[in-house]
């Protein structure tokens, strides 16, 4: 029984760490290359996150909130509290808090 040899560790990693690209890279840094699979998943996750937060905003009530609305409110309050602890200027916080919320949701998704 002959033992079959698989790929080396470097070949295995090189095979599994490739992206679907518009064309091969011409050097170490090539800004004309787009990773199409990464763009696809980023757009899909962005649309899904936007839809979920839009749905929460649309179904928001001033009375007793539902579970999803309460979760979004906790998330917004968490990020706002963190922004208040770090940025003491209220004018600067108007920019930083929404940006921090966007980054937090993006990383979470």
N, C-alpha and C. Protein backbone atom coordinates (compact mmCIF):
# COMPACT_ATOMS: atom_id res chain seq x y z
N UNK A 1 0.84 -1.16 0.00
CA UNK A 1 0.00 0.00 0.00
C UNK A 1 0.89 1.24 0.00
N UNK A 2 0.80 1.98 -1.05
CA UNK A 2 1.64 3.17 -1.19
C UNK A 2 0.97 4.35 -0.49
N UNK A 3 1.78 5.06 0.25
CA UNK A 3 1.25 6.23 0.96
C UNK A 3 1.20 7.40 -0.02
N UNK A 4 0.05 8.03 -0.10
CA UNK A 4 -0.08 9.20 -0.97
C UNK A 4 0.33 10.44 -0.19
N UNK A 5 1.05 11.30 -0.87
CA UNK A 5 1.53 12.50 -0.22
C UNK A 5 0.62 13.66 -0.59
N UNK A 6 0.14 14.35 0.42
CA UNK A 6 -0.69 15.53 0.20
C UNK A 6 0.18 16.75 0.00
N UNK A 7 -0.43 17.89 -0.07
CA UNK A 7 0.34 19.12 -0.26
C UNK A 7 1.15 19.46 0.99
N UNK A 8 2.21 20.19 0.79
CA UNK A 8 2.99 20.66 1.93
C UNK A 8 2.19 21.70 2.68
N UNK A 9 2.66 22.07 3.85
CA UNK A 9 1.94 23.06 4.66
C UNK A 9 1.83 24.39 3.93
N UNK A 10 2.89 24.79 3.27
CA UNK A 10 2.88 26.05 2.53
C UNK A 10 1.91 26.02 1.36
N UNK A 11 1.86 24.89 0.64
CA UNK A 11 0.91 24.76 -0.47
C UNK A 11 -0.53 24.76 0.03
N UNK A 12 -0.78 24.08 1.15
CA UNK A 12 -2.13 24.03 1.72
C UNK A 12 -2.61 25.43 2.12
N UNK A 13 -1.74 26.16 2.82
CA UNK A 13 -2.10 27.51 3.26
C UNK A 13 -2.27 28.42 2.06
N UNK A 14 -1.38 28.33 1.09
CA UNK A 14 -1.49 29.15 -0.11
C UNK A 14 -2.76 28.88 -0.89
N UNK A 15 -3.20 27.63 -0.90
CA UNK A 15 -4.42 27.28 -1.61
C UNK A 15 -5.66 27.82 -0.90
N UNK A 16 -5.68 27.76 0.42
CA UNK A 16 -6.87 28.16 1.17
C UNK A 16 -6.90 29.64 1.53
N UNK A 17 -5.85 30.34 1.29
CA UNK A 17 -5.84 31.78 1.58
C UNK A 17 -5.87 32.62 0.31
N UNK A 18 -6.42 32.08 -0.73
CA UNK A 18 -6.54 32.85 -1.96
C UNK A 18 -7.94 33.44 -2.06
N UNK A 19 -8.04 34.59 -2.68
CA UNK A 19 -9.32 35.26 -2.87
C UNK A 19 -9.71 35.20 -4.34
N UNK A 20 -11.01 35.37 -4.58
CA UNK A 20 -11.49 35.52 -5.94
C UNK A 20 -11.17 36.95 -6.36
N UNK A 21 -10.19 37.12 -7.23
CA UNK A 21 -9.71 38.46 -7.59
C UNK A 21 -10.03 38.76 -9.04
N UNK A 22 -10.07 40.08 -9.36
CA UNK A 22 -10.34 40.47 -10.74
C UNK A 22 -9.15 40.16 -11.65
N UNK A 23 -7.94 40.18 -11.15
CA UNK A 23 -6.76 39.73 -11.87
C UNK A 23 -5.65 39.49 -10.86
N UNK A 24 -4.63 38.67 -11.20
CA UNK A 24 -3.55 38.38 -10.25
C UNK A 24 -2.75 39.64 -9.90
N UNK A 25 -2.20 39.64 -8.71
CA UNK A 25 -1.39 40.77 -8.28
C UNK A 25 -0.10 40.82 -9.07
N UNK A 26 0.34 42.03 -9.39
CA UNK A 26 1.57 42.22 -10.17
C UNK A 26 2.77 42.48 -9.29
N UNK A 27 2.53 42.70 -8.00
CA UNK A 27 3.61 42.96 -7.06
C UNK A 27 3.10 42.78 -5.65
N UNK A 28 3.92 43.22 -4.69
CA UNK A 28 3.52 43.11 -3.29
C UNK A 28 2.34 44.01 -2.99
N UNK A 29 2.35 45.22 -3.54
CA UNK A 29 1.25 46.16 -3.37
C UNK A 29 0.69 46.49 -4.75
N UNK A 30 -0.55 46.12 -4.97
CA UNK A 30 -1.20 46.38 -6.25
C UNK A 30 -2.64 46.82 -5.96
N UNK A 31 -2.88 48.13 -6.02
CA UNK A 31 -4.19 48.68 -5.66
C UNK A 31 -5.23 48.51 -6.76
N UNK A 32 -4.87 47.91 -7.88
CA UNK A 32 -5.85 47.67 -8.93
C UNK A 32 -6.55 46.32 -8.76
N UNK A 33 -6.15 45.55 -7.76
CA UNK A 33 -6.73 44.24 -7.52
C UNK A 33 -7.89 44.37 -6.54
N UNK A 34 -9.03 43.78 -6.88
CA UNK A 34 -10.20 43.76 -6.00
C UNK A 34 -10.49 42.32 -5.60
N UNK A 35 -10.65 42.09 -4.30
CA UNK A 35 -11.05 40.77 -3.82
C UNK A 35 -12.57 40.70 -3.91
N UNK A 36 -13.06 40.08 -4.96
CA UNK A 36 -14.49 40.08 -5.25
C UNK A 36 -15.30 39.34 -4.20
N UNK A 37 -14.76 38.27 -3.62
CA UNK A 37 -15.50 37.56 -2.59
C UNK A 37 -15.64 38.41 -1.33
N UNK A 38 -14.62 39.16 -0.97
CA UNK A 38 -14.71 40.04 0.20
C UNK A 38 -15.71 41.16 -0.03
N UNK A 39 -15.73 41.71 -1.24
CA UNK A 39 -16.69 42.77 -1.57
C UNK A 39 -18.11 42.22 -1.49
N UNK A 40 -18.34 41.02 -2.02
CA UNK A 40 -19.66 40.41 -1.98
C UNK A 40 -20.16 40.24 -0.55
N UNK A 41 -19.33 39.66 0.32
CA UNK A 41 -19.76 39.42 1.70
C UNK A 41 -19.91 40.72 2.48
N UNK A 42 -19.08 41.72 2.22
CA UNK A 42 -19.20 42.99 2.90
C UNK A 42 -20.52 43.68 2.53
N UNK A 43 -20.87 43.66 1.26
CA UNK A 43 -22.13 44.27 0.82
C UNK A 43 -23.31 43.50 1.41
N UNK A 44 -23.25 42.18 1.38
CA UNK A 44 -24.34 41.36 1.92
C UNK A 44 -24.54 41.61 3.41
N UNK A 45 -23.47 41.64 4.18
CA UNK A 45 -23.57 41.89 5.62
C UNK A 45 -24.03 43.32 5.88
N UNK A 46 -23.56 44.28 5.08
CA UNK A 46 -24.00 45.67 5.23
C UNK A 46 -25.48 45.83 4.98
N UNK A 47 -25.99 45.18 3.94
CA UNK A 47 -27.43 45.25 3.64
C UNK A 47 -28.23 44.57 4.74
N UNK A 48 -27.77 43.41 5.22
CA UNK A 48 -28.48 42.71 6.29
C UNK A 48 -28.50 43.54 7.58
N UNK A 49 -27.37 44.13 7.95
CA UNK A 49 -27.33 44.97 9.15
C UNK A 49 -28.20 46.20 9.03
N UNK A 50 -28.17 46.83 7.85
CA UNK A 50 -29.02 48.00 7.63
C UNK A 50 -30.49 47.62 7.72
N UNK A 51 -30.86 46.48 7.14
CA UNK A 51 -32.25 46.02 7.20
C UNK A 51 -32.68 45.75 8.64
N UNK A 52 -31.84 45.09 9.43
CA UNK A 52 -32.20 44.79 10.82
C UNK A 52 -32.39 46.06 11.64
N UNK A 53 -31.48 47.01 11.50
CA UNK A 53 -31.61 48.25 12.27
C UNK A 53 -32.77 49.09 11.75
N UNK A 54 -33.04 49.06 10.45
CA UNK A 54 -34.20 49.77 9.91
C UNK A 54 -35.49 49.16 10.45
N UNK A 55 -35.53 47.84 10.52
CA UNK A 55 -36.71 47.16 11.05
C UNK A 55 -36.92 47.52 12.52
N UNK A 56 -35.85 47.61 13.28
CA UNK A 56 -35.97 47.99 14.69
C UNK A 56 -36.46 49.43 14.81
N UNK A 57 -35.96 50.32 13.97
CA UNK A 57 -36.37 51.72 14.04
C UNK A 57 -37.83 51.88 13.60
N UNK A 58 -38.24 51.09 12.63
CA UNK A 58 -39.61 51.19 12.12
C UNK A 58 -40.64 50.67 13.12
N UNK A 59 -40.28 49.64 13.86
CA UNK A 59 -41.22 49.06 14.81
C UNK A 59 -41.05 49.63 16.21
N UNK A 60 -40.27 50.68 16.37
CA UNK A 60 -40.05 51.27 17.69
C UNK A 60 -41.32 51.93 18.20
N UNK A 61 -41.59 51.73 19.47
CA UNK A 61 -42.75 52.34 20.12
C UNK A 61 -42.28 53.13 21.32
N UNK A 62 -43.08 54.12 21.72
CA UNK A 62 -42.73 54.91 22.88
C UNK A 62 -43.20 54.26 24.17
N UNK A 63 -44.03 53.26 24.05
CA UNK A 63 -44.53 52.54 25.23
C UNK A 63 -43.53 51.48 25.65
N UNK A 64 -44.03 50.31 25.92
CA UNK A 64 -43.18 49.19 26.33
C UNK A 64 -42.50 48.63 25.08
N UNK A 65 -41.17 48.62 25.06
CA UNK A 65 -40.48 48.14 23.86
C UNK A 65 -40.52 46.61 23.77
N UNK A 66 -40.43 46.14 22.53
CA UNK A 66 -40.30 44.70 22.31
C UNK A 66 -38.88 44.25 22.60
N UNK A 67 -38.63 42.96 22.47
CA UNK A 67 -37.29 42.43 22.78
C UNK A 67 -36.22 42.97 21.84
N UNK A 68 -36.54 43.03 20.54
CA UNK A 68 -35.56 43.49 19.56
C UNK A 68 -35.26 44.98 19.76
N UNK A 69 -36.31 45.77 20.00
CA UNK A 69 -36.11 47.20 20.25
C UNK A 69 -35.29 47.41 21.51
N UNK A 70 -35.56 46.62 22.55
CA UNK A 70 -34.79 46.75 23.79
C UNK A 70 -33.32 46.39 23.56
N UNK A 71 -33.05 45.38 22.74
CA UNK A 71 -31.67 45.00 22.45
C UNK A 71 -30.94 46.11 21.70
N UNK A 72 -31.62 46.73 20.72
CA UNK A 72 -31.01 47.83 19.98
C UNK A 72 -30.79 49.03 20.89
N UNK A 73 -31.74 49.32 21.78
CA UNK A 73 -31.58 50.43 22.71
C UNK A 73 -30.42 50.19 23.66
N UNK A 74 -30.25 48.96 24.13
CA UNK A 74 -29.11 48.63 24.99
C UNK A 74 -27.81 48.83 24.23
N UNK A 75 -27.77 48.41 22.98
CA UNK A 75 -26.58 48.58 22.15
C UNK A 75 -26.23 50.05 21.97
N UNK A 76 -27.24 50.87 21.64
CA UNK A 76 -27.00 52.30 21.44
C UNK A 76 -26.55 52.95 22.74
N UNK A 77 -27.18 52.58 23.86
CA UNK A 77 -26.81 53.16 25.15
C UNK A 77 -25.40 52.74 25.55
N UNK A 78 -25.02 51.50 25.27
CA UNK A 78 -23.67 51.02 25.57
C UNK A 78 -22.63 51.84 24.84
N UNK A 79 -22.84 52.04 23.54
CA UNK A 79 -21.88 52.79 22.74
C UNK A 79 -21.86 54.26 23.17
N UNK A 80 -23.03 54.83 23.48
CA UNK A 80 -23.09 56.23 23.91
C UNK A 80 -22.37 56.43 25.25
N UNK A 81 -22.53 55.49 26.17
CA UNK A 81 -21.84 55.57 27.46
C UNK A 81 -20.33 55.49 27.27
N UNK A 82 -19.89 54.61 26.38
CA UNK A 82 -18.46 54.50 26.11
C UNK A 82 -17.92 55.79 25.49
N UNK A 83 -18.69 56.37 24.57
CA UNK A 83 -18.27 57.62 23.94
C UNK A 83 -18.20 58.75 24.95
N UNK A 84 -19.17 58.82 25.87
CA UNK A 84 -19.15 59.86 26.91
C UNK A 84 -17.96 59.70 27.84
N UNK A 85 -17.56 58.46 28.11
CA UNK A 85 -16.41 58.23 28.98
C UNK A 85 -15.09 58.59 28.33
N UNK A 86 -15.03 58.54 27.01
CA UNK A 86 -13.78 58.80 26.31
C UNK A 86 -13.72 60.22 25.78
N UNK A 87 -14.82 60.70 25.17
CA UNK A 87 -14.88 62.03 24.55
C UNK A 87 -15.72 62.92 25.45
N UNK A 88 -15.10 63.92 26.05
CA UNK A 88 -15.83 64.79 26.98
C UNK A 88 -16.48 65.98 26.30
N UNK A 89 -16.07 66.30 25.09
CA UNK A 89 -16.63 67.41 24.35
C UNK A 89 -17.91 66.94 23.66
N UNK A 90 -19.05 67.58 23.99
CA UNK A 90 -20.34 67.15 23.44
C UNK A 90 -20.41 67.33 21.93
N UNK A 91 -19.75 68.36 21.40
CA UNK A 91 -19.77 68.60 19.96
C UNK A 91 -19.00 67.51 19.21
N UNK A 92 -17.88 67.10 19.74
CA UNK A 92 -17.10 66.03 19.11
C UNK A 92 -17.82 64.69 19.22
N UNK A 93 -18.55 64.50 20.30
CA UNK A 93 -19.26 63.24 20.52
C UNK A 93 -20.38 63.03 19.51
N UNK A 94 -20.89 64.12 18.91
CA UNK A 94 -21.93 63.99 17.89
C UNK A 94 -21.41 63.26 16.65
N UNK A 95 -20.11 63.31 16.44
CA UNK A 95 -19.50 62.61 15.31
C UNK A 95 -18.99 61.24 15.74
N UNK A 96 -18.39 61.18 16.92
CA UNK A 96 -17.72 59.96 17.35
C UNK A 96 -18.72 58.87 17.72
N UNK A 97 -19.81 59.20 18.39
CA UNK A 97 -20.76 58.18 18.85
C UNK A 97 -21.41 57.41 17.69
N UNK A 98 -21.95 58.10 16.65
CA UNK A 98 -22.49 57.31 15.53
C UNK A 98 -21.42 56.51 14.79
N UNK A 99 -20.22 57.06 14.69
CA UNK A 99 -19.14 56.32 14.05
C UNK A 99 -18.78 55.09 14.86
N UNK A 100 -18.72 55.24 16.18
CA UNK A 100 -18.42 54.09 17.05
C UNK A 100 -19.52 53.04 16.97
N UNK A 101 -20.78 53.48 16.90
CA UNK A 101 -21.89 52.54 16.76
C UNK A 101 -21.79 51.78 15.44
N UNK A 102 -21.45 52.48 14.38
CA UNK A 102 -21.30 51.85 13.07
C UNK A 102 -20.18 50.81 13.08
N UNK A 103 -19.05 51.17 13.65
CA UNK A 103 -17.91 50.24 13.70
C UNK A 103 -18.25 49.04 14.59
N UNK A 104 -18.91 49.29 15.73
CA UNK A 104 -19.26 48.20 16.62
C UNK A 104 -20.20 47.20 15.94
N UNK A 105 -21.24 47.72 15.30
CA UNK A 105 -22.20 46.84 14.62
C UNK A 105 -21.51 46.09 13.48
N UNK A 106 -20.65 46.78 12.73
CA UNK A 106 -19.96 46.15 11.61
C UNK A 106 -19.07 45.00 12.09
N UNK A 107 -18.32 45.23 13.14
CA UNK A 107 -17.44 44.18 13.68
C UNK A 107 -18.28 43.05 14.25
N UNK A 108 -19.39 43.38 14.92
CA UNK A 108 -20.26 42.35 15.48
C UNK A 108 -20.84 41.47 14.39
N UNK A 109 -21.29 42.09 13.31
CA UNK A 109 -21.85 41.31 12.20
C UNK A 109 -20.77 40.51 11.50
